[in-house]
C-alpha atoms as a PDB file:
ATOM      1  CA  MET A   1     100.096  81.953  76.969  1.00  0.00           C
ATOM      2  CA  MET A   2      98.379  85.478  76.012  1.00  0.00           C
ATOM      3  CA  SER A   3      97.462  86.169  72.458  1.00  0.00           C
ATOM      4  CA  SER A   4      99.018  89.726  71.709  1.00  0.00           C
ATOM      5  CA  LYS A   5      96.983  89.401  68.409  1.00  0.00           C
ATOM      6  CA  ASN A   6      93.776  89.320  69.955  1.00  0.00           C
ATOM      7  CA  PRO A   7      92.693  92.877  70.465  1.00  0.00           C
ATOM      8  CA  THR A   8      90.447  92.121  73.577  1.00  0.00           C
ATOM      9  CA  TYR A   9      92.810  90.347  75.567  1.00  0.00           C
ATOM     10  CA  TYR A  10      93.968  93.860  77.148  1.00  0.00           C
ATOM     11  CA  PRO A  11      91.808  94.907  79.190  1.00  0.00           C
ATOM     12  CA  THR A  12      88.814  92.101  79.139  1.00  0.00           C
ATOM     13  CA  ILE A  13      90.427  88.600  78.806  1.00  0.00           C
ATOM     14  CA  PHE A  14      93.337  89.734  80.887  1.00  0.00           C
ATOM     15  CA  CYS A  15      91.166  91.099  83.849  1.00  0.00           C
ATOM     16  CA  ASN A  16      88.765  87.850  83.698  1.00  0.00           C
ATOM     17  CA  GLN A  17      92.196  85.734  83.940  1.00  0.00           C
ATOM     18  CA  LEU A  18      93.329  87.712  86.912  1.00  0.00           C
ATOM     19  CA  MET A  19      90.172  87.342  88.701  1.00  0.00           C
ATOM     20  CA  ALA A  20      90.289  83.656  88.086  1.00  0.00           C
ATOM     21  CA  THR A  21      93.758  83.235  89.043  1.00  0.00           C
ATOM     22  CA  ILE A  22      93.228  85.104  92.287  1.00  0.00           C
ATOM     23  CA  VAL A  23      90.393  82.732  92.961  1.00  0.00           C
ATOM     24  CA  TRP A  24      92.767  79.677  92.385  1.00  0.00           C
ATOM     25  CA  ALA A  25      95.729  81.424  94.460  1.00  0.00           C
ATOM     26  CA  GLN A  26      93.514  80.764  97.785  1.00  0.00           C
ATOM     27  CA  LEU A  27      95.339  77.557  97.600  1.00  0.00           C
ATOM     28  CA  PHE A  28      98.326  78.956  98.642  1.00  0.00           C
ATOM     29  CA  VAL A  29      96.057  80.817 101.485  1.00  0.00           C
ATOM     30  CA  LEU A  30      94.960  77.305 102.731  1.00  0.00           C
ATOM     31  CA  TYR A  31      98.491  76.332 102.737  1.00  0.00           C
ATOM     32  CA  CYS A  32      99.255  79.207 104.872  1.00  0.00           C
ATOM     33  CA  ILE A  33      96.390  78.369 107.517  1.00  0.00           C
ATOM     34  CA  THR A  34      97.685  74.696 107.237  1.00  0.00           C
ATOM     35  CA  LEU A  35     101.052  75.497 108.462  1.00  0.00           C
ATOM     36  CA  LEU A  36      99.917  78.227 111.093  1.00  0.00           C
ATOM     37  CA  ALA A  37      97.915  75.236 112.611  1.00  0.00           C
ATOM     38  CA  PHE A  38     100.301  72.472 112.566  1.00  0.00           C
ATOM     39  CA  SER A  39     103.736  73.673 112.461  1.00  0.00           C
ATOM     40  CA  THR A  40     105.936  75.951 114.590  1.00  0.00           C
ATOM     41  CA  GLN A  41     108.261  78.757 113.837  1.00  0.00           C
ATOM     42  CA  ASN A  42     111.113  79.628 115.643  1.00  0.00           C
ATOM     43  CA  GLU A  43     113.159  83.132 116.443  1.00  0.00           C
ATOM     44  CA  SER A  44     115.684  82.231 113.397  1.00  0.00           C
ATOM     45  CA  HIS A  45     112.854  81.784 111.076  1.00  0.00           C
ATOM     46  CA  VAL A  46     111.573  85.513 112.051  1.00  0.00           C
ATOM     47  CA  PHE A  47     115.232  86.643 111.854  1.00  0.00           C
ATOM     48  CA  TRP A  48     115.557  85.424 108.340  1.00  0.00           C
ATOM     49  CA  ALA A  49     112.099  86.200 107.137  1.00  0.00           C
ATOM     50  CA  ASP A  50     111.760  88.926 104.530  1.00  0.00           C
ATOM     51  CA  PRO A  51     111.733  92.397 106.008  1.00  0.00           C
ATOM     52  CA  PHE A  52     108.472  93.140 103.488  1.00  0.00           C
ATOM     53  CA  ILE A  53     106.713  91.164 106.033  1.00  0.00           C
ATOM     54  CA  LYS A  54     108.360  92.713 109.398  1.00  0.00           C
ATOM     55  CA  ILE A  55     107.329  96.321 108.699  1.00  0.00           C
ATOM     56  CA  ILE A  56     104.462  95.232 111.344  1.00  0.00           C
ATOM     57  CA  PRO A  57     104.760  92.390 113.617  1.00  0.00           C
ATOM     58  CA  ILE A  58     105.338  89.152 111.496  1.00  0.00           C
ATOM     59  CA  TYR A  59     102.125  87.270 112.642  1.00  0.00           C
ATOM     60  CA  ALA A  60      99.779  90.318 112.076  1.00  0.00           C
ATOM     61  CA  SER A  61     101.401  90.610 108.480  1.00  0.00           C
ATOM     62  CA  THR A  62     100.891  86.865 107.984  1.00  0.00           C
ATOM     63  CA  TRP A  63      97.100  87.396 109.055  1.00  0.00           C
ATOM     64  CA  LEU A  64      96.852  90.351 107.102  1.00  0.00           C
ATOM     65  CA  VAL A  65      97.965  88.789 103.903  1.00  0.00           C
ATOM     66  CA  ILE A  66      95.488  85.665 104.707  1.00  0.00           C
ATOM     67  CA  LEU A  67      92.528  87.885 105.484  1.00  0.00           C
ATOM     68  CA  THR A  68      92.866  90.153 102.655  1.00  0.00           C
ATOM     69  CA  SER A  69      93.524  87.616 100.067  1.00  0.00           C
ATOM     70  CA  LEU A  70      90.496  85.538 101.091  1.00  0.00           C
ATOM     71  CA  LEU A  71      88.351  88.730 100.742  1.00  0.00           C
ATOM     72  CA  LEU A  72      89.925  89.530  97.321  1.00  0.00           C
ATOM     73  CA  GLY A  73      89.285  85.603  96.300  1.00  0.00           C
ATOM     74  CA  TRP A  74      85.749  85.868  97.522  1.00  0.00           C
ATOM     75  CA  TYR A  75      85.048  89.187  95.521  1.00  0.00           C
ATOM     76  CA  CYS A  76      86.681  87.766  92.414  1.00  0.00           C
ATOM     77  CA  PHE A  77      84.479  84.519  92.978  1.00  0.00           C
ATOM     78  CA  LYS A  78      81.354  86.563  93.210  1.00  0.00           C
ATOM     79  CA  LYS A  79      82.043  88.438  89.902  1.00  0.00           C
ATOM     80  CA  LEU A  80      82.867  85.433  87.995  1.00  0.00           C
ATOM     81  CA  GLY A  81      80.379  82.860  89.197  1.00  0.00           C
ATOM     82  CA  CYS A  82      81.142  79.041  88.790  1.00  0.00           C
ATOM     83  CA  THR A  83      80.595  79.531  85.259  1.00  0.00           C
ATOM     84  CA  GLY A  84      82.877  82.408  84.864  1.00  0.00           C
ATOM     85  CA  LEU A  85      85.696  80.896  86.749  1.00  0.00           C
ATOM     86  CA  LYS A  86      85.752  77.644  84.790  1.00  0.00           C
ATOM     87  CA  ARG A  87      85.770  79.639  81.356  1.00  0.00           C
ATOM     88  CA  HIS A  88      88.391  82.153  82.393  1.00  0.00           C
ATOM     89  CA  THR A  89      90.819  79.967  84.245  1.00  0.00           C
ATOM     90  CA  PRO A  90      94.071  80.138  82.544  1.00  0.00           C
ATOM     91  CA  VAL A  91      94.972  76.609  83.004  1.00  0.00           C
ATOM     92  CA  THR A  92      98.015  76.910  80.777  1.00  0.00           C
ATOM     93  CA  GLN A  93      99.459  79.626  82.595  1.00  0.00           C
ATOM     94  CA  ILE A  94      98.841  78.326  85.981  1.00  0.00           C
ATOM     95  CA  ILE A  95     100.472  74.719  85.203  1.00  0.00           C
ATOM     96  CA  ALA A  96     103.252  76.523  83.205  1.00  0.00           C
ATOM     97  CA  GLY A  97     104.059  78.864  86.077  1.00  0.00           C
ATOM     98  CA  ALA A  98     104.065  76.141  88.668  1.00  0.00           C
ATOM     99  CA  GLY A  99     106.060  73.682  86.459  1.00  0.00           C
ATOM    100  CA  THR A 100     108.582  76.504  85.929  1.00  0.00           C
ATOM    101  CA  ALA A 101     109.023  76.806  89.784  1.00  0.00           C
ATOM    102  CA  VAL A 102     109.556  73.474  89.945  1.00  0.00           C
ATOM    103  CA  ILE A 103     111.790  72.523  86.984  1.00  0.00           C
ATOM    104  CA  VAL A 104     114.216  75.878  87.963  1.00  0.00           C
ATOM    105  CA  THR A 105     114.561  74.818  91.558  1.00  0.00           C
ATOM    106  CA  CYS A 106     115.456  71.277  90.852  1.00  0.00           C
ATOM    107  CA  ILE A 107     117.822  72.377  88.158  1.00  0.00           C
ATOM    108  CA  ILE A 108     119.683  74.924  90.993  1.00  0.00           C
ATOM    109  CA  TRP A 109     119.524  71.732  93.305  1.00  0.00           C
ATOM    110  CA  SER A 110     121.181  69.455  90.857  1.00  0.00           C
ATOM    111  CA  ILE A 111     123.936  71.971  90.290  1.00  0.00           C
ATOM    112  CA  PHE A 112     124.472  73.263  93.856  1.00  0.00           C
ATOM    113  CA  GLY A 113     123.070  70.491  95.983  1.00  0.00           C
ATOM    114  CA  SER A 114     121.106  71.370  99.146  1.00  0.00           C
ATOM    115  CA  LYS A 115     122.773  74.657  99.576  1.00  0.00           C
ATOM    116  CA  LEU A 116     121.616  78.035  97.480  1.00  0.00           C
ATOM    117  CA  PRO A 117     124.098  79.938  96.034  1.00  0.00           C
ATOM    118  CA  ASP A 118     125.205  82.931  97.670  1.00  0.00           C
ATOM    119  CA  PHE A 119     123.904  85.412  95.272  1.00  0.00           C
ATOM    120  CA  VAL A 120     120.201  84.181  96.574  1.00  0.00           C
ATOM    121  CA  PRO A 121     119.353  86.911  99.221  1.00  0.00           C
ATOM    122  CA  ALA A 122     118.467  84.910 102.663  1.00  0.00           C
ATOM    123  CA  GLU A 123     114.859  86.142 102.697  1.00  0.00           C
ATOM    124  CA  GLU A 124     114.458  84.002  99.299  1.00  0.00           C
ATOM    125  CA  SER A 125     116.064  81.093 101.060  1.00  0.00           C
ATOM    126  CA  SER A 126     115.009  78.242 103.060  1.00  0.00           C
ATOM    127  CA  ARG A 127     115.867  80.161 106.023  1.00  0.00           C
ATOM    128  CA  PRO A 128     112.497  81.905 106.652  1.00  0.00           C
ATOM    129  CA  GLY A 129     110.964  78.288 106.797  1.00  0.00           C
ATOM    130  CA  PHE A 130     107.656  76.967 104.869  1.00  0.00           C
ATOM    131  CA  LEU A 131     104.965  79.484 106.545  1.00  0.00           C
ATOM    132  CA  PHE A 132     107.144  82.998 106.422  1.00  0.00           C
ATOM    133  CA  GLY A 133     108.712  82.132 102.948  1.00  0.00           C
ATOM    134  CA  MET A 134     105.234  81.605 101.550  1.00  0.00           C
ATOM    135  CA  VAL A 135     103.783  84.572 103.571  1.00  0.00           C
ATOM    136  CA  ALA A 136     106.483  86.788 101.924  1.00  0.00           C
ATOM    137  CA  GLY A 137     106.150  85.245  98.354  1.00  0.00           C
ATOM    138  CA  TYR A 138     102.457  85.230  97.925  1.00  0.00           C
ATOM    139  CA  GLY A 139     102.398  88.186  99.880  1.00  0.00           C
ATOM    140  CA  GLU A 140     104.185  90.215  97.176  1.00  0.00           C
ATOM    141  CA  GLU A 141     101.864  88.910  94.593  1.00  0.00           C
ATOM    142  CA  LEU A 142      98.892  90.083  96.650  1.00  0.00           C
ATOM    143  CA  LEU A 143     100.376  93.409  97.190  1.00  0.00           C
ATOM    144  CA  PHE A 144     102.281  94.323  94.093  1.00  0.00           C
ATOM    145  CA  ARG A 145     100.503  92.441  91.477  1.00  0.00           C
ATOM    146  CA  MET A 146      96.942  91.923  92.382  1.00  0.00           C
ATOM    147  CA  LEU A 147      96.697  95.386  94.493  1.00  0.00           C
ATOM    148  CA  ILE A 148      99.070  97.745  92.894  1.00  0.00           C
ATOM    149  CA  SER A 149     100.132  96.762  89.312  1.00  0.00           C
ATOM    150  CA  ALA A 150      96.890  95.501  88.153  1.00  0.00           C
ATOM    151  CA  PRO A 151      94.576  98.616  89.459  1.00  0.00           C
ATOM    152  CA  VAL A 152      97.215 101.314  87.978  1.00  0.00           C
ATOM    153  CA  PHE A 153      96.969  98.988  84.824  1.00  0.00           C
ATOM    154  CA  PHE A 154      93.518  99.429  84.766  1.00  0.00           C
ATOM    155  CA  GLY A 155      93.280 103.182  85.730  1.00  0.00           C
ATOM    156  CA  MET A 156      96.067 104.220  83.375  1.00  0.00           C
ATOM    157  CA  PHE A 157      93.715 102.213  80.307  1.00  0.00           C
ATOM    158  CA  ARG A 158      91.106 104.418  81.556  1.00  0.00           C
ATOM    159  CA  LEU A 159      92.792 107.564  81.286  1.00  0.00           C
ATOM    160  CA  LEU A 160      94.269 106.695  78.095  1.00  0.00           C
ATOM    161  CA  ALA A 161      90.910 106.110  76.356  1.00  0.00           C
ATOM    162  CA  GLY A 162      91.384 108.098  73.331  1.00  0.00           C
ATOM    163  CA  VAL A 163      95.125 106.650  72.357  1.00  0.00           C
ATOM    164  CA  LYS A 164      95.610 103.862  69.837  1.00  0.00           C
ATOM    165  CA  HIS A 165      95.004 100.274  71.713  1.00  0.00           C
ATOM    166  CA  THR A 166      98.519  99.150  71.225  1.00  0.00           C
ATOM    167  CA  TYR A 167      99.811 102.357  72.763  1.00  0.00           C
ATOM    168  CA  ARG A 168      97.487 102.222  75.303  1.00  0.00           C
ATOM    169  CA  VAL A 169      98.297  98.977  76.567  1.00  0.00           C
ATOM    170  CA  PHE A 170     101.878  99.720  76.475  1.00  0.00           C
ATOM    171  CA  TRP A 171     101.957 102.489  78.490  1.00  0.00           C
ATOM    172  CA  SER A 172      99.341 101.294  80.827  1.00  0.00           C
ATOM    173  CA  ALA A 173     101.797  98.230  81.601  1.00  0.00           C
ATOM    174  CA  LEU A 174     104.927 100.279  81.448  1.00  0.00           C
ATOM    175  CA  THR A 175     103.165 102.602  84.311  1.00  0.00           C
ATOM    176  CA  ALA A 176     102.012  99.609  86.247  1.00  0.00           C
ATOM    177  CA  VAL A 177     105.231  97.867  86.357  1.00  0.00           C
ATOM    178  CA  LEU A 178     107.677 100.886  87.276  1.00  0.00           C
ATOM    179  CA  ILE A 179     105.120 101.934  90.049  1.00  0.00           C
ATOM    180  CA  ALA A 180     104.815  98.424  91.503  1.00  0.00           C
ATOM    181  CA  ALA A 181     108.397  97.905  91.325  1.00  0.00           C
ATOM    182  CA  ILE A 182     109.326 101.210  93.142  1.00  0.00           C
ATOM    183  CA  ALA A 183     106.855 100.316  95.732  1.00  0.00           C
ATOM    184  CA  PHE A 184     108.456  96.690  96.354  1.00  0.00           C
ATOM    185  CA  VAL A 185     111.819  98.159  96.654  1.00  0.00           C
ATOM    186  CA  ILE A 186     110.280 100.843  99.256  1.00  0.00           C
ATOM    187  CA  PHE A 187     108.246  98.450 101.030  1.00  0.00           C
ATOM    188  CA  HIS A 188     111.307  96.226 101.396  1.00  0.00           C
ATOM    189  CA  GLU A 189     113.450  98.756 102.577  1.00  0.00           C
ATOM    190  CA  LEU A 190     111.045  99.987 105.136  1.00  0.00           C
ATOM    191  CA  GLY A 191     111.433  96.379 106.983  1.00  0.00           C
ATOM    192  CA  GLU A 192     114.913  96.505 107.070  1.00  0.00           C
ATOM    193  CA  THR A 193     116.173  96.463 110.577  1.00  0.00           C
ATOM    194  CA  ASP A 194     119.487  97.744 109.920  1.00  0.00           C
ATOM    195  CA  HIS A 195     118.285 101.044 108.323  1.00  0.00           C
ATOM    196  CA  THR A 196     121.385 100.753 105.800  1.00  0.00           C
ATOM    197  CA  LEU A 197     120.829 101.081 102.231  1.00  0.00           C
ATOM    198  CA  MET A 198     122.625  98.478 100.229  1.00  0.00           C
ATOM    199  CA  TRP A 199     122.200  99.704  96.665  1.00  0.00           C
ATOM    200  CA  ASN A 200     123.160  96.099  95.252  1.00  0.00           C
ATOM    201  CA  LEU A 201     120.011  94.821  97.353  1.00  0.00           C
ATOM    202  CA  ILE A 202     117.917  97.484  95.958  1.00  0.00           C
ATOM    203  CA  ALA A 203     119.060  97.040  92.354  1.00  0.00           C
ATOM    204  CA  THR A 204     118.680  93.493  92.508  1.00  0.00           C
ATOM    205  CA  ARG A 205     115.062  94.012  93.985  1.00  0.00           C
ATOM    206  CA  MET A 206     114.109  96.617  91.640  1.00  0.00           C
ATOM    207  CA  LEU A 207     115.631  94.558  88.740  1.00  0.00           C
ATOM    208  CA  VAL A 208     114.263  90.819  89.264  1.00  0.00           C
ATOM    209  CA  PRO A 209     111.033  90.867  91.574  1.00  0.00           C
ATOM    210  CA  GLY A 210     109.866  94.338  90.113  1.00  0.00           C
ATOM    211  CA  LEU A 211     110.746  94.850  86.641  1.00  0.00           C
ATOM    212  CA  ILE A 212     111.385  91.415  85.341  1.00  0.00           C
ATOM    213  CA  MET A 213     108.491  89.551  87.173  1.00  0.00           C
ATOM    214  CA  GLY A 214     106.434  92.798  86.721  1.00  0.00           C
ATOM    215  CA  SER A 215     106.748  92.561  83.270  1.00  0.00           C
ATOM    216  CA  LEU A 216     105.888  88.831  82.915  1.00  0.00           C
ATOM    217  CA  PHE A 217     102.506  89.666  84.803  1.00  0.00           C
ATOM    218  CA  PHE A 218     101.449  91.017  81.475  1.00  0.00           C
ATOM    219  CA  LEU A 219     103.416  89.469  78.991  1.00  0.00           C
ATOM    220  CA  LEU A 220     102.825  85.746  80.175  1.00  0.00           C
ATOM    221  CA  GLY A 221      99.800  86.363  81.738  1.00  0.00           C
ATOM    222  CA  PRO A 222      99.115  86.671  85.727  1.00  0.00           C
ATOM    223  CA  GLY A 223      98.570  82.858  86.363  1.00  0.00           C
ATOM    224  CA  PHE A 224     101.960  82.284  85.234  1.00  0.00           C
ATOM    225  CA  VAL A 225     103.486  84.635  87.506  1.00  0.00           C
ATOM    226  CA  ILE A 226     101.517  84.400  90.495  1.00  0.00           C
ATOM    227  CA  PHE A 227     101.860  80.636  90.396  1.00  0.00           C
ATOM    228  CA  MET A 228     105.567  80.537  89.631  1.00  0.00           C
ATOM    229  CA  HIS A 229     106.375  82.867  92.549  1.00  0.00           C
ATOM    230  CA  ALA A 230     104.215  81.362  95.375  1.00  0.00           C
ATOM    231  CA  SER A 231     105.286  77.819  94.017  1.00  0.00           C
ATOM    232  CA  MET A 232     108.880  78.547  94.371  1.00  0.00           C
ATOM    233  CA  HIS A 233     108.107  79.277  98.020  1.00  0.00           C
ATOM    234  CA  ILE A 234     106.905  75.606  98.530  1.00  0.00           C
ATOM    235  CA  MET A 235     109.996  74.056  96.382  1.00  0.00           C
ATOM    236  CA  ILE A 236     112.905  75.957  98.118  1.00  0.00           C
ATOM    237  CA  PRO A 237     112.349  74.750 101.666  1.00  0.00           C
ATOM    238  CA  LEU A 238     111.470  71.356 100.180  1.00  0.00           C
ATOM    239  CA  LEU A 239     114.887  70.963  98.448  1.00  0.00           C
ATOM    240  CA  PHE A 240     117.343  73.440 100.563  1.00  0.00           C
ATOM    241  CA  ASN A 241     118.443  74.123 103.896  1.00  0.00           C
END
């Protein structure tokens, strides 16, 4: 999906693809706004929602994700323009990411039925409902990928100006992935209400959404990870109860 043999992929093409992906990702924001307007949430949805969006009151988190994303999307659109958006939209990444989400969730459904296996954390299940599930999933991409990982990568890339390009990309991406993964764990722990450290949950959060998905953000491209993760949060409440 990305061309590692193309020396200009990082940072130029990657940056343009990221901005185009952010513009198209506003579709998930419109999805959230529609759910806010036409659906109802109950106490059970709030209880099971991802702790990440309960650091502050959950509806404040919801609007914070929506407004921040819209502002970021508008900024990226202004930078790219219509022509740039058409040229740099990573269509293959986006289709592959959304398609992967559909295929994976359908495979899990075919094996386990309408009940997700026990190893899936409650906040990643259908229990938070359509709205809070999407706010958490897309909000994670917004904060940890768009607003932490990407700026750290570009900042490190600039700092390592005298380093060979291959190593410059590697160390910049590695630093970005590690910082975003640590931030992911910290923000989720801040939202936990019982204030008890569950090391297996910390390890899972560090490994899967932190290190693995953080690495795929650079290896397979921003369009793949952002659309895969957000699309998962549409499919899960559709297929599971």
